Amino acid sequence: MTVELAHPSTEPLGQRSTTPPAHPRWWFVRTTPGRILTLGVILATLGILSAFATSTTITDRQTQLTTVLNHTEPLAFAAGQLYTTLSVADAAAATAFIAGSEPRAVRQRYEQAITDAAVAVTRASSGLTDEPLVQLLGRINAQLAVYTGLIETARTNNRMGNPVGSSYLSEASALMQQQILPDAQRLYEQTSARVDAETTASTRIPAPVIMVVAVTLLFGVFGHRWLADRTKRRVNVGLIAGGLAIVIMIIWVGSALIISTAGSRAAKNTAAESLKTVTSLAITAQQARADETLSLIRRGDEDLRKRSYYQRVEAMHTQLADYLGRKDAIAKDDLANADGLLTKWRQADERINAYISVGNYQAATQVALGTGEDDSTPAFDKLDAALSSGIRQSRNQLRNDILSARRVLSGTTVGGVVLSVGAAISVALGLWPRLSEYR
């Protein structure tokens, strides 16, 4: 009996069918253990995000305060010193000229002011990066060289008895008042504005951090309630511990940020404003002194110099009254007698003008340079000393406020990260026993 086998190619093919999967896609997420695991992942992620947001915000704020303390504020102070010392040099040069014999103390005052101005230019140039400000400082430096040359020419002619010396001095003073000082003022104002801007930036409310931490807390509360309903256990130690860690972080970091913000605002609104006000007073005083002495040199424009002097003194009276009327004014003790010194100085200047009006320039010069109690120089020197002390105190207060605002943030970066990561670990440890109940 013969059995014939069909060729394999002629065998009927079986019908192919796909085997349905045992579980639909994402089925595990819909189960209770899957939801518990998802809850843990979300809470851990929020904890890590809280750590990142907190550490980034605090680090940025510390960097801003460090920049103000080590770069921006010294640059603004150097610009202010340049502005002040240039005014001092102009007043001292005029005073030395009318003294005739050029007293050594007056000459040293001028030379010291020029040296201080050169030092201030060097310090300012080392911190400037903006091209317009670099060009502005370069122009000041170049004009200062021209100014000192004119002063030396005036001094030489004055010693030789040449009347042209007063013309050189007037030209030098005009260069100082019309070009150098306005440029120095712009430099000071722009660098001071940068201090204000960077200090203000360190007081902004960290909205992203608040949002992330708030979402973390709210989701933690929701997750704890859901887990309690699902597992019939009212308290989950891990979630409670994680929530407490976040709350501690909020209290610690939040308190540090509040204190730091208060310090930054005090630096900007109190110390920085005080420094600008007192510096402005000191500069105005030096310019008024230059007006007073130049009225003895340039015969014929005494009325112009007198009006300029009185305008500056009146402006100082107003500034002093407004400043001392503030409750948070710095250096009140040093400036308490400043208004009285201004009045005494003005009375001496009125005597100078009275002598000039009758052509008695020798007596007017004696009042301007004399050392008597009713003369101009003692009142001006005492006023200048009080304003210089006010500048030092205001700057020290400004730097102390910024330093305190930065110091209070020390440790909060590490602490915030440790607490946030600890919260994430606590959540994981709290959810693991619930997950292990499902096999």
Protein backbone atom coordinates (compact mmCIF):
# COMPACT_ATOMS: atom_id res chain seq x y z
CA MET A 1 0.00 0.00 0.00
CA THR A 2 1.50 3.24 -1.05
CA VAL A 3 0.93 6.48 0.90
CA GLU A 4 1.37 9.64 -1.06
CA LEU A 5 2.46 12.71 0.82
CA ALA A 6 1.35 16.06 -0.40
CA HIS A 7 4.04 18.56 -1.28
CA PRO A 8 4.60 20.98 1.56
CA SER A 9 3.77 23.89 -0.66
CA THR A 10 0.32 22.46 -1.25
CA GLU A 11 -0.54 22.10 2.43
CA PRO A 12 -3.25 24.51 3.56
CA LEU A 13 -1.94 27.35 5.69
CA GLY A 14 -3.33 27.85 9.15
CA GLN A 15 -5.08 31.13 9.84
CA ARG A 16 -2.87 33.54 11.77
CA SER A 17 -4.43 35.40 14.69
CA THR A 18 -2.88 37.94 17.17
CA THR A 19 -3.02 36.99 20.78
CA PRO A 20 -4.57 39.73 22.82
CA PRO A 21 -2.24 41.06 25.61
CA ALA A 22 -2.91 39.86 29.09
CA HIS A 23 -3.34 43.49 30.23
CA PRO A 24 -4.18 46.67 28.34
CA ARG A 25 -1.55 49.38 27.96
CA TRP A 26 -0.95 51.49 31.11
CA TRP A 27 -2.98 49.06 33.12
CA PHE A 28 -0.58 49.23 36.06
CA VAL A 29 -1.05 52.97 36.49
CA ARG A 30 -4.76 52.42 36.98
CA THR A 31 -4.24 49.95 39.79
CA THR A 32 -3.91 50.97 43.43
CA PRO A 33 -0.17 50.13 43.68
CA GLY A 34 0.40 51.96 40.40
CA ARG A 35 -1.34 55.06 41.73
CA ILE A 36 0.63 54.87 44.97
CA LEU A 37 3.86 54.62 42.98
CA THR A 38 2.80 57.55 40.77
CA LEU A 39 1.98 59.58 43.87
CA GLY A 40 5.44 58.88 45.26
CA VAL A 41 7.18 59.81 42.01
CA ILE A 42 5.28 63.11 41.76
CA LEU A 43 5.97 64.04 45.40
CA ALA A 44 9.65 63.13 45.09
CA THR A 45 9.92 65.18 41.89
CA LEU A 46 8.26 68.17 43.54
CA GLY A 47 10.66 67.84 46.47
CA ILE A 48 13.65 67.88 44.13
CA LEU A 49 12.19 70.85 42.24
CA SER A 50 11.74 72.68 45.57
CA ALA A 51 15.38 72.01 46.41
CA PHE A 52 16.52 73.24 42.98
CA ALA A 53 14.34 76.37 43.03
CA THR A 54 15.35 77.27 46.58
CA SER A 55 19.07 76.77 46.08
CA THR A 56 19.06 78.64 42.74
CA THR A 57 17.19 81.62 44.17
CA ILE A 58 19.40 81.91 47.24
CA THR A 59 22.59 81.47 45.21
CA ASP A 60 21.48 84.16 42.75
CA ARG A 61 20.66 86.54 45.58
CA GLN A 62 24.01 85.92 47.27
CA THR A 63 25.76 86.51 43.94
CA GLN A 64 23.91 89.80 43.44
CA LEU A 65 24.81 91.03 46.91
CA THR A 66 28.42 89.94 46.49
CA THR A 67 28.61 91.82 43.19
CA VAL A 68 27.26 94.97 44.84
CA LEU A 69 29.62 94.62 47.79
CA ASN A 70 32.80 93.81 45.87
CA HIS A 71 32.31 95.56 42.54
CA THR A 72 29.39 97.94 42.02
CA GLU A 73 29.49 99.84 45.32
CA PRO A 74 33.30 100.39 45.29
CA LEU A 75 32.99 101.61 41.70
CA ALA A 76 30.23 104.07 42.63
CA PHE A 77 32.22 105.23 45.66
CA ALA A 78 35.32 105.78 43.50
CA ALA A 79 33.20 107.85 41.10
CA GLY A 80 31.83 109.85 44.04
CA GLN A 81 35.34 110.39 45.40
CA LEU A 82 36.46 111.56 41.97
CA TYR A 83 33.59 114.04 41.85
CA THR A 84 34.34 115.30 45.36
CA THR A 85 38.11 115.56 45.04
CA LEU A 86 37.84 117.44 41.74
CA SER A 87 35.67 120.02 43.51
CA VAL A 88 38.17 120.16 46.37
CA ALA A 89 41.04 120.71 43.92
CA ASP A 90 39.25 123.59 42.19
CA ALA A 91 38.45 125.31 45.48
CA ALA A 92 41.98 124.76 46.82
CA ALA A 93 43.59 126.08 43.62
CA ALA A 94 41.59 129.31 43.82
CA THR A 95 42.34 129.66 47.53
CA ALA A 96 46.06 129.17 46.94
CA PHE A 97 46.01 131.78 44.19
CA ILE A 98 44.41 134.57 46.22
CA ALA A 99 46.73 133.85 49.17
CA GLY A 100 49.55 135.42 47.19
CA SER A 101 52.37 133.75 49.08
CA GLU A 102 50.59 130.39 48.56
CA PRO A 103 50.58 128.90 52.07
CA ARG A 104 52.08 125.43 52.20
CA ALA A 105 48.96 123.92 53.80
CA VAL A 106 46.73 125.24 51.01
CA ARG A 107 49.13 124.04 48.32
CA GLN A 108 49.28 120.59 49.92
CA ARG A 109 45.49 120.50 50.00
CA TYR A 110 45.39 121.09 46.24
CA GLU A 111 48.11 118.52 45.51
CA GLN A 112 46.42 115.94 47.75
CA ALA A 113 43.10 116.55 45.99
CA ILE A 114 44.72 116.00 42.57
CA THR A 115 46.42 112.83 43.86
CA ASP A 116 43.12 111.56 45.28
CA ALA A 117 41.42 112.31 41.97
CA ALA A 118 44.07 110.33 40.09
CA VAL A 119 43.63 107.42 42.50
CA ALA A 120 39.85 107.58 42.06
CA VAL A 121 40.28 107.52 38.27
CA THR A 122 42.46 104.41 38.57
CA ARG A 123 40.00 102.64 40.87
CA ALA A 124 37.05 103.52 38.69
CA SER A 125 38.78 102.42 35.50
CA SER A 126 39.60 99.01 36.98
CA GLY A 127 35.92 98.23 37.47
CA LEU A 128 34.34 99.78 34.38
CA THR A 129 33.21 97.51 31.56
CA ASP A 130 30.61 99.64 29.73
CA GLU A 131 32.21 101.37 26.76
CA PRO A 132 30.33 104.70 27.18
CA LEU A 133 31.48 104.95 30.81
CA VAL A 134 35.04 104.00 29.84
CA GLN A 135 35.07 106.80 27.27
CA LEU A 136 33.58 109.21 29.81
CA LEU A 137 36.29 108.38 32.33
CA GLY A 138 38.96 108.70 29.65
CA ARG A 139 37.70 112.17 28.77
CA ILE A 140 37.79 113.18 32.45
CA ASN A 141 41.37 111.94 32.73
CA ALA A 142 42.46 113.85 29.63
CA GLN A 143 40.73 117.06 30.75
CA LEU A 144 42.26 116.74 34.20
CA ALA A 145 45.73 116.82 32.64
CA VAL A 146 44.80 120.04 30.80
CA TYR A 147 43.39 121.50 34.01
CA THR A 148 46.53 120.85 36.06
CA GLY A 149 48.62 122.37 33.27
CA LEU A 150 46.54 125.55 33.32
CA ILE A 151 46.80 125.73 37.11
CA GLU A 152 50.59 125.42 36.99
CA THR A 153 50.77 128.14 34.34
CA ALA A 154 48.56 130.38 36.47
CA ARG A 155 50.68 129.64 39.53
CA THR A 156 53.93 130.45 37.71
CA ASN A 157 52.59 133.76 36.40
CA ASN A 158 51.19 134.62 39.81
CA ARG A 159 54.59 134.14 41.47
CA MET A 160 56.16 136.36 38.82
CA GLY A 161 53.53 139.04 39.39
CA ASN A 162 52.02 138.76 35.90
CA PRO A 163 48.31 139.70 35.84
CA VAL A 164 47.70 137.08 33.15
CA GLY A 165 47.87 134.46 35.88
CA SER A 166 44.27 135.19 36.88
CA SER A 167 43.14 134.56 33.30
CA TYR A 168 44.77 131.13 33.31
CA LEU A 169 43.14 130.34 36.65
CA SER A 170 39.74 131.46 35.38
CA GLU A 171 40.17 129.32 32.27
CA ALA A 172 41.09 126.33 34.44
CA SER A 173 38.12 126.86 36.72
CA ALA A 174 35.78 127.21 33.73
CA LEU A 175 37.11 123.92 32.36
CA MET A 176 36.50 122.28 35.72
CA GLN A 177 33.00 123.71 36.25
CA GLN A 178 31.71 123.36 32.70
CA GLN A 179 33.27 120.10 31.49
CA ILE A 180 35.14 118.02 34.06
CA LEU A 181 32.66 118.22 36.94
CA PRO A 182 29.57 117.59 34.74
CA ASP A 183 31.29 114.50 33.29
CA ALA A 184 32.23 113.35 36.80
CA GLN A 185 28.64 113.91 37.91
CA ARG A 186 27.31 111.74 35.06
CA LEU A 187 29.79 109.01 35.96
CA TYR A 188 28.73 109.15 39.61
CA GLU A 189 25.02 109.17 38.82
CA GLN A 190 25.23 106.20 36.45
CA THR A 191 27.32 104.08 38.80
CA SER A 192 25.04 104.99 41.73
CA ALA A 193 22.03 104.02 39.63
CA ARG A 194 23.65 100.64 39.04
CA VAL A 195 24.03 100.14 42.80
CA ASP A 196 20.33 100.96 43.23
CA ALA A 197 19.30 98.60 40.43
CA GLU A 198 21.35 95.65 41.69
CA THR A 199 20.29 96.22 45.29
CA THR A 200 16.64 96.37 44.19
CA ALA A 201 17.09 93.11 42.29
CA SER A 202 18.05 91.41 45.56
CA THR A 203 14.72 92.41 47.13
CA ARG A 204 12.38 90.85 44.56
CA ILE A 205 9.86 88.31 45.79
CA PRO A 206 10.91 84.80 44.60
CA ALA A 207 7.55 83.92 43.01
CA PRO A 208 8.74 80.68 41.29
CA VAL A 209 10.04 79.28 44.58
CA ILE A 210 6.80 80.15 46.37
CA MET A 211 4.75 78.46 43.63
CA VAL A 212 6.82 75.27 43.58
CA VAL A 213 6.86 74.91 47.38
CA ALA A 214 3.13 75.70 47.62
CA VAL A 215 2.30 73.07 44.98
CA THR A 216 4.50 70.56 46.82
CA LEU A 217 2.67 71.16 50.11
CA LEU A 218 -0.81 71.10 48.57
CA PHE A 219 -0.11 67.94 46.60
CA GLY A 220 1.36 66.37 49.73
CA VAL A 221 -1.84 67.10 51.66
CA PHE A 222 -3.94 65.73 48.81
CA GLY A 223 -1.75 62.62 48.54
CA HIS A 224 -1.96 61.93 52.28
CA ARG A 225 -5.76 62.17 52.27
CA TRP A 226 -6.07 59.96 49.21
CA LEU A 227 -3.72 57.37 50.68
CA ALA A 228 -5.62 57.39 53.99
CA ASP A 229 -8.92 56.79 52.19
CA ARG A 230 -7.45 54.06 50.02
CA THR A 231 -5.48 52.15 52.67
CA LYS A 232 -7.77 52.91 55.65
CA ARG A 233 -4.76 54.21 57.62
CA ARG A 234 -5.16 57.74 58.86
CA VAL A 235 -1.49 58.62 59.38
CA ASN A 236 1.46 57.91 57.11
CA VAL A 237 4.62 58.69 59.04
CA GLY A 238 6.72 59.14 55.91
CA LEU A 239 4.40 61.69 54.34
CA ILE A 240 4.03 63.56 57.64
CA ALA A 241 7.82 63.66 58.08
CA GLY A 242 8.26 64.90 54.51
CA GLY A 243 5.66 67.60 55.04
CA LEU A 244 7.34 68.72 58.25
CA ALA A 245 10.68 68.91 56.43
CA ILE A 246 9.12 71.16 53.78
CA VAL A 247 7.49 73.34 56.46
CA ILE A 248 10.81 73.71 58.30
CA MET A 249 12.47 74.65 55.03
CA ILE A 250 9.79 77.26 54.36
CA ILE A 251 10.20 78.80 57.82
CA TRP A 252 14.00 78.78 57.66
CA VAL A 253 14.51 79.92 54.10
CA GLY A 254 11.52 82.28 54.22
CA SER A 255 12.80 83.98 57.37
CA ALA A 256 16.28 84.32 55.89
CA LEU A 257 14.89 85.84 52.69
CA ILE A 258 12.68 88.27 54.62
CA ILE A 259 15.58 89.44 56.79
CA SER A 260 17.87 89.67 53.76
CA THR A 261 15.28 91.66 51.83
CA ALA A 262 14.86 94.05 54.76
CA GLY A 263 18.63 94.57 54.87
CA SER A 264 18.82 95.21 51.12
CA ARG A 265 15.96 97.70 51.28
CA ALA A 266 17.58 99.49 54.21
CA ALA A 267 20.81 99.67 52.21
CA LYS A 268 19.01 101.17 49.22
CA ASN A 269 16.44 103.43 50.86
CA THR A 270 18.47 104.62 53.85
CA ALA A 271 22.23 104.22 53.57
CA ALA A 272 22.55 104.68 49.79
CA GLU A 273 20.24 107.71 49.80
CA SER A 274 22.16 109.17 52.73
CA LEU A 275 25.47 108.66 50.93
CA LYS A 276 24.19 110.38 47.80
CA THR A 277 22.73 113.28 49.78
CA VAL A 278 25.81 113.94 51.91
CA THR A 279 28.14 113.53 48.92
CA SER A 280 26.04 116.07 47.02
CA LEU A 281 26.26 118.45 49.98
CA ALA A 282 30.05 118.09 50.13
CA ILE A 283 30.41 118.77 46.40
CA THR A 284 28.10 121.78 46.54
CA ALA A 285 30.09 123.17 49.49
CA GLN A 286 33.36 122.90 47.54
CA GLN A 287 31.81 124.57 44.51
CA ALA A 288 30.48 127.39 46.69
CA ARG A 289 33.96 127.82 48.15
CA ALA A 290 35.36 128.09 44.63
CA ASP A 291 32.74 130.77 43.81
CA GLU A 292 33.71 132.67 46.94
CA THR A 293 37.43 132.70 46.20
CA LEU A 294 37.08 133.32 42.47
CA SER A 295 35.10 136.46 43.19
CA LEU A 296 38.36 137.84 44.63
CA ILE A 297 40.31 136.96 41.50
CA ARG A 298 38.06 137.82 38.59
CA ARG A 299 37.34 141.47 38.95
CA GLY A 300 34.12 142.41 37.22
CA ASP A 301 32.01 139.28 37.62
CA GLU A 302 31.64 139.43 41.39
CA ASP A 303 27.86 139.66 41.12
CA LEU A 304 27.71 136.47 39.05
CA ARG A 305 29.87 134.61 41.56
CA LYS A 306 27.84 136.00 44.46
CA ARG A 307 24.56 134.79 42.97
CA SER A 308 26.07 131.37 42.30
CA TYR A 309 27.38 131.19 45.85
CA TYR A 310 24.03 132.13 47.42
CA GLN A 311 22.13 129.67 45.22
CA ARG A 312 24.43 126.84 46.29
CA VAL A 313 24.20 127.76 49.97
CA GLU A 314 20.39 128.01 49.82
CA ALA A 315 20.26 124.62 48.13
CA MET A 316 22.42 123.20 50.93
CA HIS A 317 20.13 124.66 53.60
CA THR A 318 17.14 122.97 51.93
CA GLN A 319 18.92 119.63 51.49
CA LEU A 320 20.11 119.63 55.09
CA ALA A 321 16.67 120.44 56.46
CA ASP A 322 15.05 117.67 54.39
CA TYR A 323 17.75 115.17 55.30
CA LEU A 324 17.83 115.87 59.04
CA GLY A 325 14.02 115.75 59.09
CA ARG A 326 14.10 112.06 58.16
CA LYS A 327 13.83 109.59 61.02
CA ASP A 328 16.33 107.23 59.42
CA ALA A 329 18.96 109.89 58.67
CA ILE A 330 22.54 108.74 59.29
CA ALA A 331 25.24 110.87 60.94
CA LYS A 332 22.74 113.25 62.54
CA ASP A 333 25.24 114.09 65.27
CA ASP A 334 27.91 115.12 62.77
CA LEU A 335 25.50 117.20 60.70
CA ALA A 336 23.50 118.68 63.58
CA ASN A 337 25.60 121.88 63.52
CA ALA A 338 26.00 121.97 59.75
CA ASP A 339 23.16 124.43 59.25
CA GLY A 340 24.68 126.78 61.83
CA LEU A 341 28.07 126.51 60.12
CA LEU A 342 26.43 127.35 56.80
CA THR A 343 24.87 130.44 58.34
CA LYS A 344 28.20 131.53 59.83
CA TRP A 345 29.95 130.90 56.52
CA ARG A 346 27.36 132.98 54.67
CA GLN A 347 27.77 135.82 57.15
CA ALA A 348 31.52 135.78 56.50
CA ASP A 349 30.87 135.85 52.77
CA GLU A 350 28.59 138.85 53.19
CA ARG A 351 31.50 140.66 54.86
CA ILE A 352 33.71 139.67 51.91
CA ASN A 353 31.16 141.12 49.47
CA ALA A 354 30.90 144.28 51.53
CA TYR A 355 34.66 144.83 51.29
CA ILE A 356 34.65 144.03 47.56
CA SER A 357 31.87 146.55 46.93
CA VAL A 358 34.13 149.35 48.23
CA GLY A 359 37.22 148.00 46.46
CA ASN A 360 38.98 146.77 49.60
CA TYR A 361 40.18 143.42 48.18
CA GLN A 362 42.90 143.06 50.76
CA ALA A 363 40.39 143.06 53.65
CA ALA A 364 38.09 140.75 51.69
CA THR A 365 40.97 138.33 51.18
CA GLN A 366 41.76 138.45 54.89
CA VAL A 367 38.17 137.45 55.73
CA ALA A 368 38.22 134.69 53.11
CA LEU A 369 41.50 133.16 54.28
CA GLY A 370 41.66 134.26 57.89
CA THR A 371 41.57 131.91 60.85
CA GLY A 372 39.43 134.06 63.12
CA GLU A 373 36.16 132.77 64.52
CA ASP A 374 34.14 135.03 62.23
CA ASP A 375 36.21 134.39 59.11
CA SER A 376 35.19 132.19 56.20
CA THR A 377 37.84 129.46 56.36
CA PRO A 378 37.10 128.06 59.86
CA ALA A 379 33.36 127.76 59.15
CA PHE A 380 34.01 126.10 55.80
CA ASP A 381 36.63 123.71 57.19
CA LYS A 382 34.33 122.60 60.03
CA LEU A 383 31.46 122.11 57.56
CA ASP A 384 33.69 120.13 55.23
CA ALA A 385 34.90 117.92 58.10
CA ALA A 386 31.31 117.23 59.20
CA LEU A 387 30.25 116.30 55.67
CA SER A 388 33.32 114.07 55.20
CA SER A 389 32.44 112.25 58.42
CA GLY A 390 28.85 111.87 57.20
CA ILE A 391 30.08 110.33 53.95
CA ARG A 392 32.19 107.79 55.84
CA GLN A 393 29.35 106.83 58.17
CA SER A 394 26.84 106.53 55.34
CA ARG A 395 29.14 104.32 53.31
CA ASN A 396 29.95 102.12 56.32
CA GLN A 397 26.23 101.72 56.98
CA LEU A 398 25.57 100.87 53.33
CA ARG A 399 28.23 98.17 53.25
CA ASN A 400 27.16 96.78 56.64
CA ASP A 401 23.54 96.49 55.48
CA ILE A 402 24.55 94.69 52.29
CA LEU A 403 26.95 92.44 54.20
CA SER A 404 24.24 91.55 56.72
CA ALA A 405 21.77 90.83 53.92
CA ARG A 406 24.25 88.42 52.39
CA ARG A 407 25.40 86.85 55.66
CA VAL A 408 21.89 85.88 56.75
CA LEU A 409 21.58 83.69 53.64
CA SER A 410 24.64 81.64 54.57
CA GLY A 411 23.77 78.00 55.06
CA THR A 412 20.24 78.28 53.71
CA THR A 413 21.22 76.83 50.33
CA VAL A 414 22.60 73.64 51.84
CA GLY A 415 19.85 73.52 54.46
CA GLY A 416 17.09 73.93 51.88
CA VAL A 417 18.53 71.19 49.67
CA VAL A 418 19.00 68.79 52.59
CA LEU A 419 15.45 69.33 53.84
CA SER A 420 13.91 69.00 50.37
CA VAL A 421 15.84 65.83 49.56
CA GLY A 422 15.04 64.53 53.04
CA ALA A 423 11.36 65.16 52.35
CA ALA A 424 11.59 63.17 49.11
CA ILE A 425 13.30 60.27 50.91
CA SER A 426 10.69 60.35 53.70
CA VAL A 427 7.91 60.13 51.13
CA ALA A 428 9.56 57.12 49.51
CA LEU A 429 10.02 55.38 52.87
CA GLY A 430 6.42 56.16 53.81
CA LEU A 431 4.96 54.73 50.60
CA TRP A 432 7.09 51.61 50.38
CA PRO A 433 5.20 49.64 53.13
CA ARG A 434 1.92 50.38 51.36
CA LEU A 435 3.33 49.17 48.06
CA SER A 436 4.74 46.00 49.64
CA GLU A 437 1.24 45.02 50.74
CA TYR A 438 0.37 44.32 47.10
CA ARG A 439 1.87 41.18 45.59
